Amino acid sequence: MSRTYLPGIAAMAAIVVASNILVQFLFGNWLTWGAFTYPLAFLVTDVMNRVYGVAAARKVVLAGFVTGVICSLIGSQIMLEFGPAVPLRIAVASGMAFLIAQLTDVAVFNRFKAGVWWRAPLVSTLVGSALDTVIFFSIAFSASVTLFGAGADAAINWSWEAVPFMGGGALLPLWFSLAFADWCVKLTLALVALVPFRIIVGRITARST
């Protein structure tokens, strides 16, 4: 693997590790601090795709996925009051969401790569982040997913409590509000990340010429 990919791999690994740690700490009623660091993974993927191409972006995604698996394995061995810090159901949801969403991001970015500079990172991140949210929260918290057994369901049944949507809407399972808040953060960061995307790509390109 080319050494030029190492900064991207290191950045992706750092984001995944930080997100796995920060997801343990709440920010308000609907979010964790990890919600603010995880979307940066799309920025890293898009920068690698723009500067080094699809193959490099996919290698960085794979590195992030492996890092996530390692974090999940470590978390599964840390026992808390109600079970492991990272239950199997959450680990599977996180891994599948990351891999599918990030690879989709790579494909969509490549599709719009020839257009104006902002379109590829914006469209790919919006699509990838929406897919990430749907996959993760559906597998992790939906009562209709029963593949993991009664024990796994007992660990997350708090998310099924009917509460006003986002504190003031119709009564829906709590995880609907969690998913919507998470997606809103990703949407916001997709727009904000266009600025560092432009700057980072410009600087890397300038150094290589």
C-alpha atoms as a PDB file:
ATOM      1  CA  MET A   1       0.000   0.000   0.000  1.00  0.00           C
ATOM      2  CA  SER A   2       1.361   3.425  -0.977  1.00  0.00           C
ATOM      3  CA  ARG A   3       2.611   5.590   1.868  1.00  0.00           C
ATOM      4  CA  THR A   4       0.580   8.450   0.446  1.00  0.00           C
ATOM      5  CA  TYR A   5      -2.532   6.677   1.724  1.00  0.00           C
ATOM      6  CA  LEU A   6      -1.282   6.480   5.311  1.00  0.00           C
ATOM      7  CA  PRO A   7      -2.532   9.921   6.450  1.00  0.00           C
ATOM      8  CA  GLY A   8      -6.013   9.032   5.182  1.00  0.00           C
ATOM      9  CA  ILE A   9      -5.916   5.645   6.887  1.00  0.00           C
ATOM     10  CA  ALA A  10      -4.685   7.214  10.125  1.00  0.00           C
ATOM     11  CA  ALA A  11      -7.395   9.895   9.998  1.00  0.00           C
ATOM     12  CA  MET A  12     -10.119   7.329   9.357  1.00  0.00           C
ATOM     13  CA  ALA A  13      -8.898   5.079  12.157  1.00  0.00           C
ATOM     14  CA  ALA A  14      -8.745   8.025  14.565  1.00  0.00           C
ATOM     15  CA  ILE A  15     -12.316   9.059  13.692  1.00  0.00           C
ATOM     16  CA  VAL A  16     -13.634   5.524  14.173  1.00  0.00           C
ATOM     17  CA  VAL A  17     -11.869   5.083  17.517  1.00  0.00           C
ATOM     18  CA  ALA A  18     -12.952   8.514  18.765  1.00  0.00           C
ATOM     19  CA  SER A  19     -16.560   7.879  17.698  1.00  0.00           C
ATOM     20  CA  ASN A  20     -16.643   4.516  19.457  1.00  0.00           C
ATOM     21  CA  ILE A  21     -15.489   6.198  22.659  1.00  0.00           C
ATOM     22  CA  LEU A  22     -17.631   9.338  22.409  1.00  0.00           C
ATOM     23  CA  VAL A  23     -20.811   7.381  21.634  1.00  0.00           C
ATOM     24  CA  GLN A  24     -20.812   6.445  25.329  1.00  0.00           C
ATOM     25  CA  PHE A  25     -21.429  10.074  26.344  1.00  0.00           C
ATOM     26  CA  LEU A  26     -24.773  11.820  25.879  1.00  0.00           C
ATOM     27  CA  PHE A  27     -25.266  15.231  24.302  1.00  0.00           C
ATOM     28  CA  GLY A  28     -28.754  16.402  25.173  1.00  0.00           C
ATOM     29  CA  ASN A  29     -31.727  14.043  24.906  1.00  0.00           C
ATOM     30  CA  TRP A  30     -31.258  12.649  21.413  1.00  0.00           C
ATOM     31  CA  LEU A  31     -27.552  12.539  20.603  1.00  0.00           C
ATOM     32  CA  THR A  32     -24.178  11.342  21.784  1.00  0.00           C
ATOM     33  CA  TRP A  33     -20.892  13.154  21.240  1.00  0.00           C
ATOM     34  CA  GLY A  34     -19.991  10.447  18.743  1.00  0.00           C
ATOM     35  CA  ALA A  35     -22.645  11.823  16.392  1.00  0.00           C
ATOM     36  CA  PHE A  36     -20.403  14.845  15.800  1.00  0.00           C
ATOM     37  CA  THR A  37     -17.207  12.940  15.021  1.00  0.00           C
ATOM     38  CA  TYR A  38     -18.462   9.985  12.989  1.00  0.00           C
ATOM     39  CA  PRO A  39     -19.679  12.013   9.938  1.00  0.00           C
ATOM     40  CA  LEU A  40     -16.089  13.188   9.436  1.00  0.00           C
ATOM     41  CA  ALA A  41     -15.427   9.707   8.046  1.00  0.00           C
ATOM     42  CA  PHE A  42     -17.251  10.785   4.883  1.00  0.00           C
ATOM     43  CA  LEU A  43     -14.925  13.788   4.585  1.00  0.00           C
ATOM     44  CA  VAL A  44     -11.869  11.542   4.724  1.00  0.00           C
ATOM     45  CA  THR A  45     -13.309   9.142   2.159  1.00  0.00           C
ATOM     46  CA  ASP A  46     -14.214  11.961  -0.222  1.00  0.00           C
ATOM     47  CA  VAL A  47     -10.810  13.649   0.046  1.00  0.00           C
ATOM     48  CA  MET A  48      -9.071  10.356  -0.732  1.00  0.00           C
ATOM     49  CA  ASN A  49     -11.420   9.748  -3.651  1.00  0.00           C
ATOM     50  CA  ARG A  50     -10.839  13.191  -5.127  1.00  0.00           C
ATOM     51  CA  VAL A  51      -7.061  13.194  -4.737  1.00  0.00           C
ATOM     52  CA  TYR A  52      -6.039   9.544  -5.132  1.00  0.00           C
ATOM     53  CA  GLY A  53      -9.025   7.845  -6.769  1.00  0.00           C
ATOM     54  CA  VAL A  54     -11.578   5.133  -6.062  1.00  0.00           C
ATOM     55  CA  ALA A  55      -9.112   2.387  -5.147  1.00  0.00           C
ATOM     56  CA  ALA A  56      -7.482   4.536  -2.472  1.00  0.00           C
ATOM     57  CA  ALA A  57     -10.849   5.563  -1.035  1.00  0.00           C
ATOM     58  CA  ARG A  58     -11.943   1.931  -0.771  1.00  0.00           C
ATOM     59  CA  LYS A  59      -8.716   0.995   1.022  1.00  0.00           C
ATOM     60  CA  VAL A  60      -9.314   3.742   3.561  1.00  0.00           C
ATOM     61  CA  VAL A  61     -12.902   2.520   4.038  1.00  0.00           C
ATOM     62  CA  LEU A  62     -11.628  -1.021   4.622  1.00  0.00           C
ATOM     63  CA  ALA A  63      -9.130   0.279   7.174  1.00  0.00           C
ATOM     64  CA  GLY A  64     -11.950   2.079   8.984  1.00  0.00           C
ATOM     65  CA  PHE A  65     -14.113  -1.030   8.938  1.00  0.00           C
ATOM     66  CA  VAL A  66     -11.327  -3.178  10.414  1.00  0.00           C
ATOM     67  CA  THR A  67     -10.702  -0.544  13.085  1.00  0.00           C
ATOM     68  CA  GLY A  68     -14.410  -0.559  13.920  1.00  0.00           C
ATOM     69  CA  VAL A  69     -14.451  -4.345  14.239  1.00  0.00           C
ATOM     70  CA  ILE A  70     -11.493  -4.202  16.622  1.00  0.00           C
ATOM     71  CA  CYS A  71     -13.231  -1.529  18.705  1.00  0.00           C
ATOM     72  CA  SER A  72     -16.382  -3.659  18.837  1.00  0.00           C
ATOM     73  CA  LEU A  73     -14.421  -6.726  19.930  1.00  0.00           C
ATOM     74  CA  ILE A  74     -12.783  -4.749  22.714  1.00  0.00           C
ATOM     75  CA  GLY A  75     -16.096  -3.189  23.729  1.00  0.00           C
ATOM     76  CA  SER A  76     -17.792  -6.588  23.846  1.00  0.00           C
ATOM     77  CA  GLN A  77     -15.353  -7.623  26.582  1.00  0.00           C
ATOM     78  CA  ILE A  78     -16.098  -4.603  28.775  1.00  0.00           C
ATOM     79  CA  MET A  79     -18.970  -5.565  31.043  1.00  0.00           C
ATOM     80  CA  LEU A  80     -21.300  -2.889  32.374  1.00  0.00           C
ATOM     81  CA  GLU A  81     -24.320  -3.117  34.662  1.00  0.00           C
ATOM     82  CA  PHE A  82     -26.685  -4.246  31.895  1.00  0.00           C
ATOM     83  CA  GLY A  83     -24.247  -6.264  29.778  1.00  0.00           C
ATOM     84  CA  PRO A  84     -21.318  -5.637  27.431  1.00  0.00           C
ATOM     85  CA  ALA A  85     -20.483  -2.051  26.465  1.00  0.00           C
ATOM     86  CA  VAL A  86     -20.937  -3.052  22.814  1.00  0.00           C
ATOM     87  CA  PRO A  87     -23.709  -5.672  22.412  1.00  0.00           C
ATOM     88  CA  LEU A  88     -23.557  -7.946  19.365  1.00  0.00           C
ATOM     89  CA  ARG A  89     -26.618  -6.296  17.829  1.00  0.00           C
ATOM     90  CA  ILE A  90     -25.029  -2.825  18.014  1.00  0.00           C
ATOM     91  CA  ALA A  91     -21.710  -4.129  16.686  1.00  0.00           C
ATOM     92  CA  VAL A  92     -23.345  -5.758  13.654  1.00  0.00           C
ATOM     93  CA  ALA A  93     -25.451  -2.658  12.963  1.00  0.00           C
ATOM     94  CA  SER A  94     -22.450  -0.377  13.224  1.00  0.00           C
ATOM     95  CA  GLY A  95     -20.226  -2.506  10.998  1.00  0.00           C
ATOM     96  CA  MET A  96     -22.821  -3.040   8.277  1.00  0.00           C
ATOM     97  CA  ALA A  97     -23.886   0.610   8.267  1.00  0.00           C
ATOM     98  CA  PHE A  98     -20.308   1.848   8.023  1.00  0.00           C
ATOM     99  CA  LEU A  99     -19.222  -0.497   5.250  1.00  0.00           C
ATOM    100  CA  ILE A 100     -22.323  -0.166   3.062  1.00  0.00           C
ATOM    101  CA  ALA A 101     -22.680   3.594   3.524  1.00  0.00           C
ATOM    102  CA  GLN A 102     -19.014   4.348   2.926  1.00  0.00           C
ATOM    103  CA  LEU A 103     -18.758   2.158  -0.181  1.00  0.00           C
ATOM    104  CA  THR A 104     -21.935   3.785  -1.482  1.00  0.00           C
ATOM    105  CA  ASP A 105     -20.366   7.172  -0.818  1.00  0.00           C
ATOM    106  CA  VAL A 106     -17.350   6.147  -2.903  1.00  0.00           C
ATOM    107  CA  ALA A 107     -19.535   4.981  -5.794  1.00  0.00           C
ATOM    108  CA  VAL A 108     -21.765   8.069  -5.777  1.00  0.00           C
ATOM    109  CA  PHE A 109     -18.782  10.413  -5.502  1.00  0.00           C
ATOM    110  CA  ASN A 110     -17.183   8.749  -8.491  1.00  0.00           C
ATOM    111  CA  ARG A 111     -20.422   9.130 -10.446  1.00  0.00           C
ATOM    112  CA  PHE A 112     -20.467  12.923  -9.925  1.00  0.00           C
ATOM    113  CA  LYS A 113     -16.692  13.434  -9.853  1.00  0.00           C
ATOM    114  CA  ALA A 114     -16.548  15.222 -13.211  1.00  0.00           C
ATOM    115  CA  GLY A 115     -18.995  17.938 -12.183  1.00  0.00           C
ATOM    116  CA  VAL A 116     -18.471  21.125 -10.206  1.00  0.00           C
ATOM    117  CA  TRP A 117     -16.183  20.567  -7.216  1.00  0.00           C
ATOM    118  CA  TRP A 118     -18.843  20.659  -4.500  1.00  0.00           C
ATOM    119  CA  ARG A 119     -21.443  18.373  -6.084  1.00  0.00           C
ATOM    120  CA  ALA A 120     -19.636  15.039  -5.660  1.00  0.00           C
ATOM    121  CA  PRO A 121     -18.797  15.429  -1.940  1.00  0.00           C
ATOM    122  CA  LEU A 122     -22.199  16.883  -1.115  1.00  0.00           C
ATOM    123  CA  VAL A 123     -24.359  14.361  -2.969  1.00  0.00           C
ATOM    124  CA  SER A 124     -22.258  11.351  -1.960  1.00  0.00           C
ATOM    125  CA  THR A 125     -22.210  12.370   1.705  1.00  0.00           C
ATOM    126  CA  LEU A 126     -25.950  13.035   1.789  1.00  0.00           C
ATOM    127  CA  VAL A 127     -26.710   9.656   0.222  1.00  0.00           C
ATOM    128  CA  GLY A 128     -24.145   7.784   2.299  1.00  0.00           C
ATOM    129  CA  SER A 129     -25.132   9.391   5.597  1.00  0.00           C
ATOM    130  CA  ALA A 130     -28.840   8.771   5.022  1.00  0.00           C
ATOM    131  CA  LEU A 131     -28.103   5.133   4.224  1.00  0.00           C
ATOM    132  CA  ASP A 132     -25.865   4.865   7.284  1.00  0.00           C
ATOM    133  CA  THR A 133     -28.614   6.180   9.554  1.00  0.00           C
ATOM    134  CA  VAL A 134     -31.303   3.899   8.132  1.00  0.00           C
ATOM    135  CA  ILE A 135     -29.161   0.764   8.284  1.00  0.00           C
ATOM    136  CA  PHE A 136     -27.717   1.375  11.741  1.00  0.00           C
ATOM    137  CA  PHE A 137     -30.891   2.365  13.573  1.00  0.00           C
ATOM    138  CA  SER A 138     -33.031  -0.257  11.825  1.00  0.00           C
ATOM    139  CA  ILE A 139     -30.718  -3.126  12.753  1.00  0.00           C
ATOM    140  CA  ALA A 140     -29.726  -1.797  16.166  1.00  0.00           C
ATOM    141  CA  PHE A 141     -33.124  -0.771  17.508  1.00  0.00           C
ATOM    142  CA  SER A 142     -36.081  -1.828  15.351  1.00  0.00           C
ATOM    143  CA  ALA A 143     -38.413  -4.227  17.136  1.00  0.00           C
ATOM    144  CA  SER A 144     -39.063  -5.929  13.798  1.00  0.00           C
ATOM    145  CA  VAL A 145     -35.463  -7.208  13.720  1.00  0.00           C
ATOM    146  CA  THR A 146     -35.480 -10.361  15.834  1.00  0.00           C
ATOM    147  CA  LEU A 147     -32.420 -12.171  14.508  1.00  0.00           C
ATOM    148  CA  PHE A 148     -30.341 -11.640  17.631  1.00  0.00           C
ATOM    149  CA  GLY A 149     -32.609 -13.314  20.189  1.00  0.00           C
ATOM    150  CA  ALA A 150     -34.495 -12.243  23.294  1.00  0.00           C
ATOM    151  CA  GLY A 151     -31.318 -11.405  25.196  1.00  0.00           C
ATOM    152  CA  ALA A 152     -30.239  -8.879  22.607  1.00  0.00           C
ATOM    153  CA  ASP A 153     -33.733  -7.394  22.477  1.00  0.00           C
ATOM    154  CA  ALA A 154     -33.753  -6.955  26.251  1.00  0.00           C
ATOM    155  CA  ALA A 155     -30.580  -4.884  26.018  1.00  0.00           C
ATOM    156  CA  ILE A 156     -32.170  -2.326  23.688  1.00  0.00           C
ATOM    157  CA  ASN A 157     -35.879  -2.426  24.559  1.00  0.00           C
ATOM    158  CA  TRP A 158     -35.542   0.974  26.238  1.00  0.00           C
ATOM    159  CA  SER A 159     -35.448   2.385  22.700  1.00  0.00           C
ATOM    160  CA  TRP A 160     -38.976   1.072  22.031  1.00  0.00           C
ATOM    161  CA  GLU A 161     -40.604   3.337  24.619  1.00  0.00           C
ATOM    162  CA  ALA A 162     -43.255   5.520  22.985  1.00  0.00           C
ATOM    163  CA  VAL A 163     -42.336   9.195  23.440  1.00  0.00           C
ATOM    164  CA  PRO A 164     -43.312  12.442  21.637  1.00  0.00           C
ATOM    165  CA  PHE A 165     -41.235  12.617  18.451  1.00  0.00           C
ATOM    166  CA  MET A 166     -38.308  14.998  19.113  1.00  0.00           C
ATOM    167  CA  GLY A 167     -40.040  15.991  22.334  1.00  0.00           C
ATOM    168  CA  GLY A 168     -43.145  17.505  20.794  1.00  0.00           C
ATOM    169  CA  GLY A 169     -44.614  15.382  18.009  1.00  0.00           C
ATOM    170  CA  ALA A 170     -46.638  12.202  17.704  1.00  0.00           C
ATOM    171  CA  LEU A 171     -45.912   9.270  19.995  1.00  0.00           C
ATOM    172  CA  LEU A 172     -43.274   7.097  18.359  1.00  0.00           C
ATOM    173  CA  PRO A 173     -40.592   4.704  19.582  1.00  0.00           C
ATOM    174  CA  LEU A 174     -37.692   6.622  21.116  1.00  0.00           C
ATOM    175  CA  TRP A 175     -35.252   5.378  18.485  1.00  0.00           C
ATOM    176  CA  PHE A 176     -37.137   7.313  15.774  1.00  0.00           C
ATOM    177  CA  SER A 177     -36.128  10.559  17.496  1.00  0.00           C
ATOM    178  CA  LEU A 178     -32.573   9.295  17.968  1.00  0.00           C
ATOM    179  CA  ALA A 179     -32.308   8.412  14.270  1.00  0.00           C
ATOM    180  CA  PHE A 180     -33.763  11.727  13.089  1.00  0.00           C
ATOM    181  CA  ALA A 181     -31.475  13.782  15.330  1.00  0.00           C
ATOM    182  CA  ASP A 182     -28.485  11.761  14.142  1.00  0.00           C
ATOM    183  CA  TRP A 183     -29.420  12.327  10.500  1.00  0.00           C
ATOM    184  CA  CYS A 184     -29.854  16.066  11.067  1.00  0.00           C
ATOM    185  CA  VAL A 185     -26.321  16.288  12.439  1.00  0.00           C
ATOM    186  CA  LYS A 186     -24.985  14.386   9.427  1.00  0.00           C
ATOM    187  CA  LEU A 187     -26.903  16.668   7.075  1.00  0.00           C
ATOM    188  CA  THR A 188     -25.480  19.768   8.746  1.00  0.00           C
ATOM    189  CA  LEU A 189     -21.934  18.444   8.755  1.00  0.00           C
ATOM    190  CA  ALA A 190     -22.235  17.429   5.089  1.00  0.00           C
ATOM    191  CA  LEU A 191     -22.688  21.111   4.282  1.00  0.00           C
ATOM    192  CA  VAL A 192     -20.049  22.375   6.708  1.00  0.00           C
ATOM    193  CA  ALA A 193     -17.494  19.789   5.539  1.00  0.00           C
ATOM    194  CA  LEU A 194     -17.434  21.332   2.051  1.00  0.00           C
ATOM    195  CA  VAL A 195     -15.123  24.038   3.411  1.00  0.00           C
ATOM    196  CA  PRO A 196     -12.398  21.730   4.812  1.00  0.00           C
ATOM    197  CA  PHE A 197     -12.852  19.446   1.786  1.00  0.00           C
ATOM    198  CA  ARG A 198     -11.983  22.316  -0.546  1.00  0.00           C
ATOM    199  CA  ILE A 199      -9.037  23.436   1.592  1.00  0.00           C
ATOM    200  CA  ILE A 200      -7.536  19.979   2.163  1.00  0.00           C
ATOM    201  CA  VAL A 201      -7.842  18.910  -1.474  1.00  0.00           C
ATOM    202  CA  GLY A 202      -6.286  22.197  -2.587  1.00  0.00           C
ATOM    203  CA  ARG A 203      -3.318  21.833  -0.260  1.00  0.00           C
ATOM    204  CA  ILE A 204      -2.634  18.203  -1.143  1.00  0.00           C
ATOM    205  CA  THR A 205      -2.891  18.973  -4.829  1.00  0.00           C
ATOM    206  CA  ALA A 206      -0.565  21.957  -4.484  1.00  0.00           C
ATOM    207  CA  ARG A 207       2.074  19.867  -2.708  1.00  0.00           C
ATOM    208  CA  SER A 208       1.991  17.192  -5.376  1.00  0.00           C
ATOM    209  CA  THR A 209       2.544  19.595  -8.281  1.00  0.00           C
END
